[in-house]
Amino acid sequence: MPTVKPLALIGPMGCGKSTIGHLIAEKLQWPWVDLDLWIEQHEQKPIREIFADNGEPYFRHLEEENIKLWMEQAPLVISLGGGAPCDANRWALLKEHFFTIYLKADPEVLIGRLANQREARPLIAQGDDWKDRFRDLLRERERYYTQADWILETGSATREETAEHILEHVLHH
């Protein structure tokens, strides 16, 4: 197998990191970690409550500590929350220890997917201007996402097609 680094799927909320990460891990028969779910289980509360009770900086600290926990595990597929790679320290850890794949999707497609999931997503849960805030957040985070080892434009591909495309790339490079 050419890749010895664990795979990290990055990108904005709604791009399919969790679903696609799980599919890839199943096909490769590798362990899969959804970092947000892992943190929720260990903190014993949903992310929106972690944000409300402890603030975003605390949550970002948890992300960094857990990236460190998983970075030496190979083989592994990890799906990261949208903001996880968006910090110089966390990005340095990801670049050094993971093969990063940015699942890039059209912002308007993402907004459509997120419309019914807002309550669980603290950065867009409140207010009528959430679409503008999401677009702004995406613009801010793009500078990290675009540094990924591989950028995959998902376009109109199904989750299964996207997973297959990633598998082909990983297995042949």
C-alpha atoms as a PDB file:
ATOM      1  CA  MET A   1       0.000   0.000   0.000  1.00  0.00           C
ATOM      2  CA  PRO A   2       1.639   3.258  -1.090  1.00  0.00           C
ATOM      3  CA  THR A   3       0.199   5.461   1.640  1.00  0.00           C
ATOM      4  CA  VAL A   4       1.447   4.942   5.180  1.00  0.00           C
ATOM      5  CA  LYS A   5      -0.026   8.092   6.621  1.00  0.00           C
ATOM      6  CA  PRO A   6      -3.564   8.045   7.972  1.00  0.00           C
ATOM      7  CA  LEU A   7      -6.111   9.805   5.749  1.00  0.00           C
ATOM      8  CA  ALA A   8      -7.766  13.011   7.003  1.00  0.00           C
ATOM      9  CA  LEU A   9     -10.864  14.322   5.252  1.00  0.00           C
ATOM     10  CA  ILE A  10     -11.243  18.073   5.596  1.00  0.00           C
ATOM     11  CA  GLY A  11     -13.672  20.665   4.296  1.00  0.00           C
ATOM     12  CA  PRO A  12     -16.658  22.736   5.347  1.00  0.00           C
ATOM     13  CA  MET A  13     -19.670  21.449   7.218  1.00  0.00           C
ATOM     14  CA  GLY A  14     -22.011  19.588   4.920  1.00  0.00           C
ATOM     15  CA  CYS A  15     -19.408  18.434   2.369  1.00  0.00           C
ATOM     16  CA  GLY A  16     -19.757  14.754   3.317  1.00  0.00           C
ATOM     17  CA  LYS A  17     -16.601  14.124   5.353  1.00  0.00           C
ATOM     18  CA  SER A  18     -18.300  11.761   7.798  1.00  0.00           C
ATOM     19  CA  THR A  19     -20.302   9.738   5.296  1.00  0.00           C
ATOM     20  CA  ILE A  20     -17.463   9.472   2.790  1.00  0.00           C
ATOM     21  CA  GLY A  21     -14.855   8.779   5.492  1.00  0.00           C
ATOM     22  CA  HIS A  22     -16.933   5.879   6.778  1.00  0.00           C
ATOM     23  CA  LEU A  23     -17.353   4.468   3.247  1.00  0.00           C
ATOM     24  CA  ILE A  24     -13.601   4.685   2.541  1.00  0.00           C
ATOM     25  CA  ALA A  25     -12.693   3.054   5.849  1.00  0.00           C
ATOM     26  CA  GLU A  26     -15.130   0.209   5.219  1.00  0.00           C
ATOM     27  CA  LYS A  27     -13.706  -0.473   1.764  1.00  0.00           C
ATOM     28  CA  LEU A  28     -10.102  -0.315   2.988  1.00  0.00           C
ATOM     29  CA  GLN A  29     -11.003  -2.196   6.180  1.00  0.00           C
ATOM     30  CA  TRP A  30      -9.319   0.526   8.199  1.00  0.00           C
ATOM     31  CA  PRO A  31     -10.537   2.070  11.443  1.00  0.00           C
ATOM     32  CA  TRP A  32     -12.583   5.243  11.037  1.00  0.00           C
ATOM     33  CA  VAL A  33     -12.906   8.142  13.458  1.00  0.00           C
ATOM     34  CA  ASP A  34     -15.342  11.017  13.209  1.00  0.00           C
ATOM     35  CA  LEU A  35     -13.513  13.585  15.336  1.00  0.00           C
ATOM     36  CA  ASP A  36     -16.661  15.528  16.265  1.00  0.00           C
ATOM     37  CA  LEU A  37     -18.473  12.350  17.396  1.00  0.00           C
ATOM     38  CA  TRP A  38     -15.375  11.207  19.277  1.00  0.00           C
ATOM     39  CA  ILE A  39     -15.228  14.530  21.156  1.00  0.00           C
ATOM     40  CA  GLU A  40     -18.978  14.448  21.884  1.00  0.00           C
ATOM     41  CA  GLN A  41     -18.679  10.938  23.326  1.00  0.00           C
ATOM     42  CA  HIS A  42     -15.715  11.827  25.511  1.00  0.00           C
ATOM     43  CA  GLU A  43     -17.185  15.111  26.720  1.00  0.00           C
ATOM     44  CA  GLN A  44     -20.599  13.428  27.096  1.00  0.00           C
ATOM     45  CA  LYS A  45     -22.424  16.304  25.446  1.00  0.00           C
ATOM     46  CA  PRO A  46     -23.120  17.618  21.952  1.00  0.00           C
ATOM     47  CA  ILE A  47     -20.767  20.120  20.353  1.00  0.00           C
ATOM     48  CA  ARG A  48     -23.369  22.897  20.579  1.00  0.00           C
ATOM     49  CA  GLU A  49     -23.360  22.415  24.386  1.00  0.00           C
ATOM     50  CA  ILE A  50     -19.553  22.360  24.503  1.00  0.00           C
ATOM     51  CA  PHE A  51     -19.596  25.701  22.645  1.00  0.00           C
ATOM     52  CA  ALA A  52     -22.307  27.087  24.966  1.00  0.00           C
ATOM     53  CA  ASP A  53     -20.741  25.848  28.223  1.00  0.00           C
ATOM     54  CA  ASN A  54     -17.016  26.198  27.509  1.00  0.00           C
ATOM     55  CA  GLY A  55     -16.665  28.342  24.370  1.00  0.00           C
ATOM     56  CA  GLU A  56     -15.143  27.767  20.958  1.00  0.00           C
ATOM     57  CA  PRO A  57     -11.485  28.059  22.148  1.00  0.00           C
ATOM     58  CA  TYR A  58     -12.015  25.092  24.505  1.00  0.00           C
ATOM     59  CA  PHE A  59     -13.546  23.048  21.686  1.00  0.00           C
ATOM     60  CA  ARG A  60     -10.620  23.886  19.368  1.00  0.00           C
ATOM     61  CA  HIS A  61      -8.232  22.775  22.146  1.00  0.00           C
ATOM     62  CA  LEU A  62     -10.089  19.431  22.304  1.00  0.00           C
ATOM     63  CA  GLU A  63      -9.721  19.073  18.533  1.00  0.00           C
ATOM     64  CA  GLU A  64      -5.975  19.653  18.725  1.00  0.00           C
ATOM     65  CA  GLU A  65      -5.491  17.204  21.600  1.00  0.00           C
ATOM     66  CA  ASN A  66      -7.454  14.550  19.739  1.00  0.00           C
ATOM     67  CA  ILE A  67      -5.625  15.129  16.451  1.00  0.00           C
ATOM     68  CA  LYS A  68      -2.434  14.440  18.440  1.00  0.00           C
ATOM     69  CA  LEU A  69      -4.041  11.285  19.830  1.00  0.00           C
ATOM     70  CA  TRP A  70      -4.877   9.906  16.381  1.00  0.00           C
ATOM     71  CA  MET A  71      -1.922  11.160  14.326  1.00  0.00           C
ATOM     72  CA  GLU A  72       0.286   8.139  14.961  1.00  0.00           C
ATOM     73  CA  GLN A  73      -2.453   5.638  14.121  1.00  0.00           C
ATOM     74  CA  ALA A  74      -2.092   4.084  10.724  1.00  0.00           C
ATOM     75  CA  PRO A  75      -3.916   2.811   8.924  1.00  0.00           C
ATOM     76  CA  LEU A  76      -6.778   5.142   9.806  1.00  0.00           C
ATOM     77  CA  VAL A  77      -9.374   7.363   8.157  1.00  0.00           C
ATOM     78  CA  ILE A  78     -10.402  10.433  10.168  1.00  0.00           C
ATOM     79  CA  SER A  79     -13.194  12.863   9.331  1.00  0.00           C
ATOM     80  CA  LEU A  80     -12.500  16.272  10.824  1.00  0.00           C
ATOM     81  CA  GLY A  81     -14.958  19.002  11.704  1.00  0.00           C
ATOM     82  CA  GLY A  82     -14.965  22.016   9.399  1.00  0.00           C
ATOM     83  CA  GLY A  83     -12.865  24.202  11.689  1.00  0.00           C
ATOM     84  CA  ALA A  84     -10.394  21.550  12.855  1.00  0.00           C
ATOM     85  CA  PRO A  85      -7.679  22.296  10.268  1.00  0.00           C
ATOM     86  CA  CYS A  86      -8.134  26.085  10.479  1.00  0.00           C
ATOM     87  CA  ASP A  87      -5.346  26.995  12.857  1.00  0.00           C
ATOM     88  CA  ALA A  88      -1.593  27.110  12.279  1.00  0.00           C
ATOM     89  CA  ASN A  89      -0.767  24.542  14.997  1.00  0.00           C
ATOM     90  CA  ARG A  90      -3.483  22.073  14.042  1.00  0.00           C
ATOM     91  CA  TRP A  91      -2.675  22.490  10.340  1.00  0.00           C
ATOM     92  CA  ALA A  92       1.021  21.767  10.983  1.00  0.00           C
ATOM     93  CA  LEU A  93       0.082  18.529  12.783  1.00  0.00           C
ATOM     94  CA  LEU A  94      -2.231  17.500   9.965  1.00  0.00           C
ATOM     95  CA  LYS A  95       0.292  18.243   7.199  1.00  0.00           C
ATOM     96  CA  GLU A  96       3.044  16.319   8.930  1.00  0.00           C
ATOM     97  CA  HIS A  97       1.107  13.254  10.060  1.00  0.00           C
ATOM     98  CA  PHE A  98      -1.832  12.810   7.655  1.00  0.00           C
ATOM     99  CA  PHE A  99      -2.568  12.650   3.953  1.00  0.00           C
ATOM    100  CA  THR A 100      -5.154  15.444   3.788  1.00  0.00           C
ATOM    101  CA  ILE A 101      -8.029  15.411   1.309  1.00  0.00           C
ATOM    102  CA  TYR A 102     -10.181  18.508   0.869  1.00  0.00           C
ATOM    103  CA  LEU A 103     -13.728  17.621  -0.200  1.00  0.00           C
ATOM    104  CA  LYS A 104     -14.591  20.765  -2.112  1.00  0.00           C
ATOM    105  CA  ALA A 105     -18.251  21.442  -2.883  1.00  0.00           C
ATOM    106  CA  ASP A 106     -20.161  24.408  -4.256  1.00  0.00           C
ATOM    107  CA  PRO A 107     -21.164  26.767  -1.401  1.00  0.00           C
ATOM    108  CA  GLU A 108     -24.783  26.918  -2.561  1.00  0.00           C
ATOM    109  CA  VAL A 109     -25.014  23.107  -2.575  1.00  0.00           C
ATOM    110  CA  LEU A 110     -23.640  23.085   0.984  1.00  0.00           C
ATOM    111  CA  ILE A 111     -26.158  25.707   2.087  1.00  0.00           C
ATOM    112  CA  GLY A 112     -28.941  23.525   0.715  1.00  0.00           C
ATOM    113  CA  ARG A 113     -27.657  20.530   2.673  1.00  0.00           C
ATOM    114  CA  LEU A 114     -27.227  22.540   5.879  1.00  0.00           C
ATOM    115  CA  ALA A 115     -30.646  24.207   5.884  1.00  0.00           C
ATOM    116  CA  ASN A 116     -32.214  21.414   7.958  1.00  0.00           C
ATOM    117  CA  GLN A 117     -29.166  20.714  10.159  1.00  0.00           C
ATOM    118  CA  ARG A 118     -28.512  24.162  11.583  1.00  0.00           C
ATOM    119  CA  GLU A 119     -29.436  23.465  15.215  1.00  0.00           C
ATOM    120  CA  ALA A 120     -26.571  20.995  15.610  1.00  0.00           C
ATOM    121  CA  ARG A 121     -24.046  23.408  14.110  1.00  0.00           C
ATOM    122  CA  PRO A 122     -23.198  26.189  16.572  1.00  0.00           C
ATOM    123  CA  LEU A 123     -21.561  28.551  14.076  1.00  0.00           C
ATOM    124  CA  ILE A 124     -24.702  28.788  11.906  1.00  0.00           C
ATOM    125  CA  ALA A 125     -27.474  27.785  14.336  1.00  0.00           C
ATOM    126  CA  GLN A 126     -28.716  31.289  15.140  1.00  0.00           C
ATOM    127  CA  GLY A 127     -30.058  34.153  13.059  1.00  0.00           C
ATOM    128  CA  ASP A 128     -31.558  34.790   9.659  1.00  0.00           C
ATOM    129  CA  ASP A 129     -28.168  35.789   8.208  1.00  0.00           C
ATOM    130  CA  TRP A 130     -26.706  32.279   8.619  1.00  0.00           C
ATOM    131  CA  LYS A 131     -26.161  31.815   4.876  1.00  0.00           C
ATOM    132  CA  ASP A 132     -23.983  34.932   4.694  1.00  0.00           C
ATOM    133  CA  ARG A 133     -22.101  33.871   7.839  1.00  0.00           C
ATOM    134  CA  PHE A 134     -21.541  30.428   6.317  1.00  0.00           C
ATOM    135  CA  ARG A 135     -20.164  31.949   3.088  1.00  0.00           C
ATOM    136  CA  ASP A 136     -17.860  34.213   5.148  1.00  0.00           C
ATOM    137  CA  LEU A 137     -16.678  31.264   7.228  1.00  0.00           C
ATOM    138  CA  LEU A 138     -15.972  29.263   4.088  1.00  0.00           C
ATOM    139  CA  ARG A 139     -13.942  32.157   2.621  1.00  0.00           C
ATOM    140  CA  GLU A 140     -11.894  32.391   5.852  1.00  0.00           C
ATOM    141  CA  ARG A 141     -11.238  28.660   5.993  1.00  0.00           C
ATOM    142  CA  GLU A 142     -10.406  28.154   2.308  1.00  0.00           C
ATOM    143  CA  ARG A 143      -6.797  29.239   2.890  1.00  0.00           C
ATOM    144  CA  TYR A 144      -6.323  26.142   5.040  1.00  0.00           C
ATOM    145  CA  TYR A 145      -8.455  23.749   3.007  1.00  0.00           C
ATOM    146  CA  THR A 146      -6.633  24.568  -0.221  1.00  0.00           C
ATOM    147  CA  GLN A 147      -3.297  23.510   1.323  1.00  0.00           C
ATOM    148  CA  ALA A 148      -4.507  19.897   1.431  1.00  0.00           C
ATOM    149  CA  ASP A 149      -2.413  17.190  -0.161  1.00  0.00           C
ATOM    150  CA  TRP A 150      -5.264  16.576  -2.585  1.00  0.00           C
ATOM    151  CA  ILE A 151      -8.279  18.725  -3.464  1.00  0.00           C
ATOM    152  CA  LEU A 152     -11.245  16.757  -4.746  1.00  0.00           C
ATOM    153  CA  GLU A 153     -14.053  18.739  -6.342  1.00  0.00           C
ATOM    154  CA  THR A 154     -17.084  16.619  -5.493  1.00  0.00           C
ATOM    155  CA  GLY A 155     -19.382  18.284  -8.050  1.00  0.00           C
ATOM    156  CA  SER A 156     -22.497  16.215  -8.652  1.00  0.00           C
ATOM    157  CA  ALA A 157     -20.865  12.891  -7.707  1.00  0.00           C
ATOM    158  CA  THR A 158     -22.693  10.667  -5.244  1.00  0.00           C
ATOM    159  CA  ARG A 159     -21.071   9.857  -1.912  1.00  0.00           C
ATOM    160  CA  GLU A 160     -20.234   6.393  -3.229  1.00  0.00           C
ATOM    161  CA  GLU A 161     -18.647   7.810  -6.399  1.00  0.00           C
ATOM    162  CA  THR A 162     -16.629  10.278  -4.325  1.00  0.00           C
ATOM    163  CA  ALA A 163     -15.427   7.476  -2.031  1.00  0.00           C
ATOM    164  CA  GLU A 164     -14.430   5.368  -5.059  1.00  0.00           C
ATOM    165  CA  HIS A 165     -12.551   8.310  -6.573  1.00  0.00           C
ATOM    166  CA  ILE A 166     -10.602   8.769  -3.332  1.00  0.00           C
ATOM    167  CA  LEU A 167      -9.833   5.053  -3.139  1.00  0.00           C
ATOM    168  CA  GLU A 168      -8.518   5.043  -6.702  1.00  0.00           C
ATOM    169  CA  HIS A 169      -6.290   8.041  -5.938  1.00  0.00           C
ATOM    170  CA  VAL A 170      -4.979   6.682  -2.637  1.00  0.00           C
ATOM    171  CA  LEU A 171      -4.347   3.180  -3.940  1.00  0.00           C
ATOM    172  CA  HIS A 172      -2.540   4.348  -7.074  1.00  0.00           C
ATOM    173  CA  HIS A 173      -0.374   7.178  -5.758  1.00  0.00           C
END
